[in-house]
Amino acid sequence: MEGFDNMSATEKAELQSLVAVEQQKAEFQAQVHNFTDICWDKCVDSPGSKLDYRTETCLVSCVDRFIDTTLTITNRFTQMVQKGPR
């Protein structure tokens, strides 16, 4: 990129930070999409005009497990990074 060469170090850092944030957003959206597919396949037998109690309960449970698992993994990686290499 020609314009990138003419940017100051601060501008480059800001641009890199912005790109990193956008990449995180894209990764999050991809996870949500994948998660939606998994929970849909697991919980929804036949789509209708509204969710029955069993389907709704299954979806809520699926979402809760996904969130719990994601938080557990994130916390574990955070602990590993804070401890550093051994």
PDB file of N, CA and C in Angstrom:
ATOM      1  N   MET A   1       0.836  -1.188   0.000  1.00  0.00           N
ATOM      2  CA  MET A   1       0.000   0.000   0.000  1.00  0.00           C
ATOM      3  C   MET A   1       0.873   1.240   0.000  1.00  0.00           C
ATOM      4  N   GLU A   2       0.684   2.076  -0.977  1.00  0.00           N
ATOM      5  CA  GLU A   2       1.463   3.299  -1.063  1.00  0.00           C
ATOM      6  C   GLU A   2       1.179   4.224   0.106  1.00  0.00           C
ATOM      7  N   GLY A   3      -0.079   4.437   0.427  1.00  0.00           N
ATOM      8  CA  GLY A   3      -0.467   5.338   1.501  1.00  0.00           C
ATOM      9  C   GLY A   3       0.033   4.887   2.857  1.00  0.00           C
ATOM     10  N   PHE A   4       0.199   3.585   3.023  1.00  0.00           N
ATOM     11  CA  PHE A   4       0.652   3.043   4.299  1.00  0.00           C
ATOM     12  C   PHE A   4       2.087   3.475   4.591  1.00  0.00           C
ATOM     13  N   ASP A   5       2.921   3.582   3.549  1.00  0.00           N
ATOM     14  CA  ASP A   5       4.314   3.994   3.728  1.00  0.00           C
ATOM     15  C   ASP A   5       4.424   5.439   4.198  1.00  0.00           C
ATOM     16  N   ASN A   6       3.453   6.260   3.843  1.00  0.00           N
ATOM     17  CA  ASN A   6       3.485   7.682   4.200  1.00  0.00           C
ATOM     18  C   ASN A   6       2.868   7.978   5.565  1.00  0.00           C
ATOM     19  N   MET A   7       2.377   6.958   6.245  1.00  0.00           N
ATOM     20  CA  MET A   7       1.718   7.170   7.540  1.00  0.00           C
ATOM     21  C   MET A   7       2.752   7.242   8.657  1.00  0.00           C
ATOM     22  N   SER A   8       2.410   8.003   9.692  1.00  0.00           N
ATOM     23  CA  SER A   8       3.282   8.068  10.864  1.00  0.00           C
ATOM     24  C   SER A   8       3.145   6.775  11.658  1.00  0.00           C
ATOM     25  N   ALA A   9       4.065   6.556  12.577  1.00  0.00           N
ATOM     26  CA  ALA A   9       4.031   5.362  13.412  1.00  0.00           C
ATOM     27  C   ALA A   9       2.737   5.294  14.225  1.00  0.00           C
ATOM     28  N   THR A  10       2.293   6.448  14.694  1.00  0.00           N
ATOM     29  CA  THR A  10       1.044   6.507  15.467  1.00  0.00           C
ATOM     30  C   THR A  10      -0.144   6.124  14.598  1.00  0.00           C
ATOM     31  N   GLU A  11      -0.176   6.641  13.386  1.00  0.00           N
ATOM     32  CA  GLU A  11      -1.272   6.314  12.470  1.00  0.00           C
ATOM     33  C   GLU A  11      -1.257   4.828  12.109  1.00  0.00           C
ATOM     34  N   LYS A  12      -0.072   4.280  11.899  1.00  0.00           N
ATOM     35  CA  LYS A  12       0.043   2.849  11.594  1.00  0.00           C
ATOM     36  C   LYS A  12      -0.454   2.010  12.770  1.00  0.00           C
ATOM     37  N   ALA A  13      -0.073   2.406  13.973  1.00  0.00           N
ATOM     38  CA  ALA A  13      -0.507   1.677  15.172  1.00  0.00           C
ATOM     39  C   ALA A  13      -2.026   1.746  15.322  1.00  0.00           C
ATOM     40  N   GLU A  14      -2.602   2.922  15.081  1.00  0.00           N
ATOM     41  CA  GLU A  14      -4.051   3.071  15.166  1.00  0.00           C
ATOM     42  C   GLU A  14      -4.751   2.212  14.118  1.00  0.00           C
ATOM     43  N   LEU A  15      -4.201   2.189  12.900  1.00  0.00           N
ATOM     44  CA  LEU A  15      -4.774   1.383  11.832  1.00  0.00           C
ATOM     45  C   LEU A  15      -4.687  -0.106  12.166  1.00  0.00           C
ATOM     46  N   GLN A  16      -3.538  -0.534  12.693  1.00  0.00           N
ATOM     47  CA  GLN A  16      -3.379  -1.932  13.079  1.00  0.00           C
ATOM     48  C   GLN A  16      -4.348  -2.309  14.191  1.00  0.00           C
ATOM     49  N   SER A  17      -4.545  -1.394  15.124  1.00  0.00           N
ATOM     50  CA  SER A  17      -5.493  -1.629  16.212  1.00  0.00           C
ATOM     51  C   SER A  17      -6.910  -1.759  15.670  1.00  0.00           C
ATOM     52  N   LEU A  18      -7.269  -0.891  14.744  1.00  0.00           N
ATOM     53  CA  LEU A  18      -8.591  -0.936  14.132  1.00  0.00           C
ATOM     54  C   LEU A  18      -8.794  -2.246  13.374  1.00  0.00           C
ATOM     55  N   VAL A  19      -7.787  -2.660  12.635  1.00  0.00           N
ATOM     56  CA  VAL A  19      -7.865  -3.924  11.895  1.00  0.00           C
ATOM     57  C   VAL A  19      -8.024  -5.095  12.866  1.00  0.00           C
ATOM     58  N   ALA A  20      -7.282  -5.078  13.959  1.00  0.00           N
ATOM     59  CA  ALA A  20      -7.373  -6.148  14.956  1.00  0.00           C
ATOM     60  C   ALA A  20      -8.774  -6.225  15.550  1.00  0.00           C
ATOM     61  N   VAL A  21      -9.361  -5.069  15.851  1.00  0.00           N
ATOM     62  CA  VAL A  21     -10.723  -5.035  16.396  1.00  0.00           C
ATOM     63  C   VAL A  21     -11.714  -5.603  15.385  1.00  0.00           C
ATOM     64  N   GLU A  22     -11.553  -5.222  14.121  1.00  0.00           N
ATOM     65  CA  GLU A  22     -12.459  -5.723  13.081  1.00  0.00           C
ATOM     66  C   GLU A  22     -12.291  -7.230  12.891  1.00  0.00           C
ATOM     67  N   GLN A  23     -11.062  -7.727  13.009  1.00  0.00           N
ATOM     68  CA  GLN A  23     -10.834  -9.168  12.909  1.00  0.00           C
ATOM     69  C   GLN A  23     -11.508  -9.898  14.071  1.00  0.00           C
ATOM     70  N   GLN A  24     -11.430  -9.319  15.264  1.00  0.00           N
ATOM     71  CA  GLN A  24     -12.092  -9.926  16.421  1.00  0.00           C
ATOM     72  C   GLN A  24     -13.603  -9.953  16.219  1.00  0.00           C
ATOM     73  N   LYS A  25     -14.149  -8.879  15.680  1.00  0.00           N
ATOM     74  CA  LYS A  25     -15.591  -8.842  15.408  1.00  0.00           C
ATOM     75  C   LYS A  25     -15.976  -9.918  14.405  1.00  0.00           C
ATOM     76  N   ALA A  26     -15.174 -10.072  13.358  1.00  0.00           N
ATOM     77  CA  ALA A  26     -15.448 -11.082  12.330  1.00  0.00           C
ATOM     78  C   ALA A  26     -15.362 -12.484  12.917  1.00  0.00           C
ATOM     79  N   GLU A  27     -14.375 -12.726  13.771  1.00  0.00           N
ATOM     80  CA  GLU A  27     -14.248 -14.034  14.417  1.00  0.00           C
ATOM     81  C   GLU A  27     -15.446 -14.307  15.322  1.00  0.00           C
ATOM     82  N   PHE A  28     -15.870 -13.286  16.060  1.00  0.00           N
ATOM     83  CA  PHE A  28     -17.030 -13.443  16.933  1.00  0.00           C
ATOM     84  C   PHE A  28     -18.274 -13.781  16.116  1.00  0.00           C
ATOM     85  N   GLN A  29     -18.478 -13.055  15.012  1.00  0.00           N
ATOM     86  CA  GLN A  29     -19.638 -13.313  14.154  1.00  0.00           C
ATOM     87  C   GLN A  29     -19.586 -14.735  13.587  1.00  0.00           C
ATOM     88  N   ALA A  30     -18.397 -15.192  13.210  1.00  0.00           N
ATOM     89  CA  ALA A  30     -18.252 -16.554  12.689  1.00  0.00           C
ATOM     90  C   ALA A  30     -18.591 -17.567  13.767  1.00  0.00           C
ATOM     91  N   GLN A  31     -18.166 -17.314  15.005  1.00  0.00           N
ATOM     92  CA  GLN A  31     -18.490 -18.216  16.113  1.00  0.00           C
ATOM     93  C   GLN A  31     -19.994 -18.253  16.354  1.00  0.00           C
ATOM     94  N   VAL A  32     -20.623 -17.092  16.347  1.00  0.00           N
ATOM     95  CA  VAL A  32     -22.069 -17.028  16.558  1.00  0.00           C
ATOM     96  C   VAL A  32     -22.794 -17.792  15.452  1.00  0.00           C
ATOM     97  N   HIS A  33     -22.353 -17.623  14.217  1.00  0.00           N
ATOM     98  CA  HIS A  33     -22.972 -18.326  13.091  1.00  0.00           C
ATOM     99  C   HIS A  33     -22.826 -19.838  13.261  1.00  0.00           C
ATOM    100  N   ASN A  34     -21.634 -20.283  13.586  1.00  0.00           N
ATOM    101  CA  ASN A  34     -21.387 -21.714  13.793  1.00  0.00           C
ATOM    102  C   ASN A  34     -22.223 -22.246  14.954  1.00  0.00           C
ATOM    103  N   PHE A  35     -22.245 -21.485  16.029  1.00  0.00           N
ATOM    104  CA  PHE A  35     -23.020 -21.864  17.205  1.00  0.00           C
ATOM    105  C   PHE A  35     -24.510 -21.954  16.882  1.00  0.00           C
ATOM    106  N   THR A  36     -25.006 -20.999  16.111  1.00  0.00           N
ATOM    107  CA  THR A  36     -26.417 -21.004  15.708  1.00  0.00           C
ATOM    108  C   THR A  36     -26.744 -22.263  14.915  1.00  0.00           C
ATOM    109  N   ASP A  37     -25.872 -22.616  13.992  1.00  0.00           N
ATOM    110  CA  ASP A  37     -26.078 -23.836  13.201  1.00  0.00           C
ATOM    111  C   ASP A  37     -26.138 -25.075  14.096  1.00  0.00           C
ATOM    112  N   ILE A  38     -25.205 -25.160  15.033  1.00  0.00           N
ATOM    113  CA  ILE A  38     -25.139 -26.332  15.916  1.00  0.00           C
ATOM    114  C   ILE A  38     -26.399 -26.428  16.763  1.00  0.00           C
ATOM    115  N   CYS A  39     -26.775 -25.332  17.407  1.00  0.00           N
ATOM    116  CA  CYS A  39     -27.952 -25.365  18.283  1.00  0.00           C
ATOM    117  C   CYS A  39     -29.242 -25.578  17.483  1.00  0.00           C
ATOM    118  N   TRP A  40     -29.324 -25.000  16.304  1.00  0.00           N
ATOM    119  CA  TRP A  40     -30.501 -25.200  15.461  1.00  0.00           C
ATOM    120  C   TRP A  40     -30.648 -26.680  15.124  1.00  0.00           C
ATOM    121  N   ASP A  41     -29.543 -27.286  14.649  1.00  0.00           N
ATOM    122  CA  ASP A  41     -29.583 -28.709  14.276  1.00  0.00           C
ATOM    123  C   ASP A  41     -29.912 -29.590  15.476  1.00  0.00           C
ATOM    124  N   LYS A  42     -29.416 -29.220  16.647  1.00  0.00           N
ATOM    125  CA  LYS A  42     -29.633 -30.023  17.847  1.00  0.00           C
ATOM    126  C   LYS A  42     -31.057 -29.878  18.390  1.00  0.00           C
ATOM    127  N   CYS A  43     -31.614 -28.686  18.310  1.00  0.00           N
ATOM    128  CA  CYS A  43     -32.847 -28.397  19.051  1.00  0.00           C
ATOM    129  C   CYS A  43     -34.126 -28.277  18.218  1.00  0.00           C
ATOM    130  N   VAL A  44     -34.020 -27.899  16.967  1.00  0.00           N
ATOM    131  CA  VAL A  44     -35.219 -27.605  16.187  1.00  0.00           C
ATOM    132  C   VAL A  44     -35.531 -28.783  15.265  1.00  0.00           C
ATOM    133  N   ASP A  45     -36.628 -29.486  15.595  1.00  0.00           N
ATOM    134  CA  ASP A  45     -37.042 -30.630  14.780  1.00  0.00           C
ATOM    135  C   ASP A  45     -37.724 -30.171  13.498  1.00  0.00           C
ATOM    136  N   SER A  46     -38.721 -29.336  13.665  1.00  0.00           N
ATOM    137  CA  SER A  46     -39.432 -28.806  12.500  1.00  0.00           C
ATOM    138  C   SER A  46     -39.848 -27.373  12.809  1.00  0.00           C
ATOM    139  N   PRO A  47     -39.353 -26.419  12.026  1.00  0.00           N
ATOM    140  CA  PRO A  47     -39.672 -25.009  12.290  1.00  0.00           C
ATOM    141  C   PRO A  47     -41.165 -24.747  12.158  1.00  0.00           C
ATOM    142  N   GLY A  48     -41.658 -23.919  13.046  1.00  0.00           N
ATOM    143  CA  GLY A  48     -43.059 -23.520  13.001  1.00  0.00           C
ATOM    144  C   GLY A  48     -43.174 -22.030  13.187  1.00  0.00           C
ATOM    145  N   SER A  49     -44.384 -21.574  13.434  1.00  0.00           N
ATOM    146  CA  SER A  49     -44.606 -20.141  13.603  1.00  0.00           C
ATOM    147  C   SER A  49     -44.084 -19.625  14.947  1.00  0.00           C
ATOM    148  N   LYS A  50     -43.907 -20.542  15.914  1.00  0.00           N
ATOM    149  CA  LYS A  50     -43.307 -20.160  17.195  1.00  0.00           C
ATOM    150  C   LYS A  50     -42.633 -21.377  17.812  1.00  0.00           C
ATOM    151  N   LEU A  51     -41.768 -21.121  18.792  1.00  0.00           N
ATOM    152  CA  LEU A  51     -41.036 -22.203  19.438  1.00  0.00           C
ATOM    153  C   LEU A  51     -41.888 -22.840  20.525  1.00  0.00           C
ATOM    154  N   ASP A  52     -41.855 -24.162  20.584  1.00  0.00           N
ATOM    155  CA  ASP A  52     -42.523 -24.818  21.699  1.00  0.00           C
ATOM    156  C   ASP A  52     -41.582 -24.799  22.911  1.00  0.00           C
ATOM    157  N   TYR A  53     -42.096 -25.188  24.049  1.00  0.00           N
ATOM    158  CA  TYR A  53     -41.334 -25.109  25.298  1.00  0.00           C
ATOM    159  C   TYR A  53     -40.062 -25.947  25.226  1.00  0.00           C
ATOM    160  N   ARG A  54     -40.153 -27.153  24.711  1.00  0.00           N
ATOM    161  CA  ARG A  54     -38.993 -28.043  24.637  1.00  0.00           C
ATOM    162  C   ARG A  54     -37.898 -27.434  23.760  1.00  0.00           C
ATOM    163  N   THR A  55     -38.274 -26.895  22.619  1.00  0.00           N
ATOM    164  CA  THR A  55     -37.300 -26.294  21.703  1.00  0.00           C
ATOM    165  C   THR A  55     -36.650 -25.068  22.329  1.00  0.00           C
ATOM    166  N   GLU A  56     -37.468 -24.236  22.954  1.00  0.00           N
ATOM    167  CA  GLU A  56     -36.935 -23.037  23.598  1.00  0.00           C
ATOM    168  C   GLU A  56     -35.968 -23.406  24.720  1.00  0.00           C
ATOM    169  N   THR A  57     -36.343 -24.386  25.535  1.00  0.00           N
ATOM    170  CA  THR A  57     -35.485 -24.835  26.630  1.00  0.00           C
ATOM    171  C   THR A  57     -34.169 -25.390  26.091  1.00  0.00           C
ATOM    172  N   CYS A  58     -34.249 -26.169  25.039  1.00  0.00           N
ATOM    173  CA  CYS A  58     -33.054 -26.736  24.419  1.00  0.00           C
ATOM    174  C   CYS A  58     -32.137 -25.629  23.901  1.00  0.00           C
ATOM    175  N   LEU A  59     -32.699 -24.645  23.216  1.00  0.00           N
ATOM    176  CA  LEU A  59     -31.899 -23.548  22.677  1.00  0.00           C
ATOM    177  C   LEU A  59     -31.226 -22.743  23.791  1.00  0.00           C
ATOM    178  N   VAL A  60     -31.975 -22.455  24.849  1.00  0.00           N
ATOM    179  CA  VAL A  60     -31.412 -21.708  25.982  1.00  0.00           C
ATOM    180  C   VAL A  60     -30.266 -22.501  26.613  1.00  0.00           C
ATOM    181  N   SER A  61     -30.473 -23.792  26.807  1.00  0.00           N
ATOM    182  CA  SER A  61     -29.430 -24.642  27.381  1.00  0.00           C
ATOM    183  C   SER A  61     -28.206 -24.691  26.480  1.00  0.00           C
ATOM    184  N   CYS A  62     -28.430 -24.812  25.189  1.00  0.00           N
ATOM    185  CA  CYS A  62     -27.336 -24.843  24.217  1.00  0.00           C
ATOM    186  C   CYS A  62     -26.537 -23.541  24.276  1.00  0.00           C
ATOM    187  N   VAL A  63     -27.220 -22.425  24.315  1.00  0.00           N
ATOM    188  CA  VAL A  63     -26.562 -21.122  24.402  1.00  0.00           C
ATOM    189  C   VAL A  63     -25.778 -21.016  25.708  1.00  0.00           C
ATOM    190  N   ASP A  64     -26.387 -21.421  26.801  1.00  0.00           N
ATOM    191  CA  ASP A  64     -25.714 -21.352  28.102  1.00  0.00           C
ATOM    192  C   ASP A  64     -24.434 -22.178  28.108  1.00  0.00           C
ATOM    193  N   ARG A  65     -24.485 -23.391  27.549  1.00  0.00           N
ATOM    194  CA  ARG A  65     -23.297 -24.246  27.510  1.00  0.00           C
ATOM    195  C   ARG A  65     -22.211 -23.628  26.638  1.00  0.00           C
ATOM    196  N   PHE A  66     -22.614 -23.032  25.534  1.00  0.00           N
ATOM    197  CA  PHE A  66     -21.654 -22.366  24.651  1.00  0.00           C
ATOM    198  C   PHE A  66     -20.960 -21.230  25.385  1.00  0.00           C
ATOM    199  N   ILE A  67     -21.721 -20.404  26.076  1.00  0.00           N
ATOM    200  CA  ILE A  67     -21.155 -19.276  26.813  1.00  0.00           C
ATOM    201  C   ILE A  67     -20.239 -19.774  27.925  1.00  0.00           C
ATOM    202  N   ASP A  68     -20.698 -20.764  28.685  1.00  0.00           N
ATOM    203  CA  ASP A  68     -19.879 -21.323  29.765  1.00  0.00           C
ATOM    204  C   ASP A  68     -18.551 -21.860  29.232  1.00  0.00           C
ATOM    205  N   THR A  69     -18.625 -22.598  28.145  1.00  0.00           N
ATOM    206  CA  THR A  69     -17.420 -23.184  27.563  1.00  0.00           C
ATOM    207  C   THR A  69     -16.478 -22.109  27.053  1.00  0.00           C
ATOM    208  N   THR A  70     -17.014 -21.115  26.373  1.00  0.00           N
ATOM    209  CA  THR A  70     -16.194 -20.027  25.842  1.00  0.00           C
ATOM    210  C   THR A  70     -15.504 -19.274  26.972  1.00  0.00           C
ATOM    211  N   LEU A  71     -16.243 -18.981  28.048  1.00  0.00           N
ATOM    212  CA  LEU A  71     -15.647 -18.275  29.188  1.00  0.00           C
ATOM    213  C   LEU A  71     -14.570 -19.118  29.865  1.00  0.00           C
ATOM    214  N   THR A  72     -14.798 -20.400  30.009  1.00  0.00           N
ATOM    215  CA  THR A  72     -13.820 -21.288  30.631  1.00  0.00           C
ATOM    216  C   THR A  72     -12.537 -21.320  29.813  1.00  0.00           C
ATOM    217  N   ILE A  73     -12.666 -21.481  28.511  1.00  0.00           N
ATOM    218  CA  ILE A  73     -11.493 -21.520  27.637  1.00  0.00           C
ATOM    219  C   ILE A  73     -10.764 -20.182  27.660  1.00  0.00           C
ATOM    220  N   THR A  74     -11.509 -19.091  27.578  1.00  0.00           N
ATOM    221  CA  THR A  74     -10.896 -17.764  27.602  1.00  0.00           C
ATOM    222  C   THR A  74     -10.145 -17.530  28.904  1.00  0.00           C
ATOM    223  N   ASN A  75     -10.762 -17.891  30.021  1.00  0.00           N
ATOM    224  CA  ASN A  75     -10.106 -17.720  31.322  1.00  0.00           C
ATOM    225  C   ASN A  75      -8.844 -18.574  31.421  1.00  0.00           C
ATOM    226  N   ARG A  76      -8.901 -19.782  30.909  1.00  0.00           N
ATOM    227  CA  ARG A  76      -7.733 -20.672  30.947  1.00  0.00           C
ATOM    228  C   ARG A  76      -6.588 -20.095  30.125  1.00  0.00           C
ATOM    229  N   PHE A  77      -6.889 -19.609  28.922  1.00  0.00           N
ATOM    230  CA  PHE A  77      -5.842 -19.012  28.093  1.00  0.00           C
ATOM    231  C   PHE A  77      -5.276 -17.765  28.753  1.00  0.00           C
ATOM    232  N   THR A  78      -6.121 -16.977  29.393  1.00  0.00           N
ATOM    233  CA  THR A  78      -5.666 -15.778  30.090  1.00  0.00           C
ATOM    234  C   THR A  78      -4.691 -16.162  31.203  1.00  0.00           C
ATOM    235  N   GLN A  79      -5.020 -17.204  31.964  1.00  0.00           N
ATOM    236  CA  GLN A  79      -4.135 -17.675  33.024  1.00  0.00           C
ATOM    237  C   GLN A  79      -2.800 -18.146  32.455  1.00  0.00           C
ATOM    238  N   MET A  80      -2.852 -18.856  31.341  1.00  0.00           N
ATOM    239  CA  MET A  80      -1.625 -19.364  30.723  1.00  0.00           C
ATOM    240  C   MET A  80      -0.740 -18.212  30.247  1.00  0.00           C
ATOM    241  N   VAL A  81      -1.349 -17.186  29.655  1.00  0.00           N
ATOM    242  CA  VAL A  81      -0.585 -16.038  29.160  1.00  0.00           C
ATOM    243  C   VAL A  81       0.031 -15.274  30.331  1.00  0.00           C
ATOM    244  N   GLN A  82      -0.730 -15.113  31.415  1.00  0.00           N
ATOM    245  CA  GLN A  82      -0.233 -14.373  32.576  1.00  0.00           C
ATOM    246  C   GLN A  82       0.936 -15.091  33.240  1.00  0.00           C
ATOM    247  N   LYS A  83       0.910 -16.414  33.245  1.00  0.00           N
ATOM    248  CA  LYS A  83       1.999 -17.190  33.833  1.00  0.00           C
ATOM    249  C   LYS A  83       3.254 -17.144  32.968  1.00  0.00           C
ATOM    250  N   GLY A  84       3.050 -17.027  31.664  1.00  0.00           N
ATOM    251  CA  GLY A  84       4.176 -16.953  30.734  1.00  0.00           C
ATOM    252  C   GLY A  84       4.791 -18.314  30.502  1.00  0.00           C
ATOM    253  N   PRO A  85       5.806 -18.360  29.634  1.00  0.00           N
ATOM    254  CA  PRO A  85       6.469 -19.637  29.334  1.00  0.00           C
ATOM    255  C   PRO A  85       7.254 -20.145  30.529  1.00  0.00           C
ATOM    256  N   ARG A  86       7.299 -21.423  30.647  1.00  0.00           N
ATOM    257  CA  ARG A  86       8.013 -22.028  31.793  1.00  0.00           C
ATOM    258  C   ARG A  86       9.378 -22.463  31.393  1.00  0.00           C
TER     259      ARG A  86
END
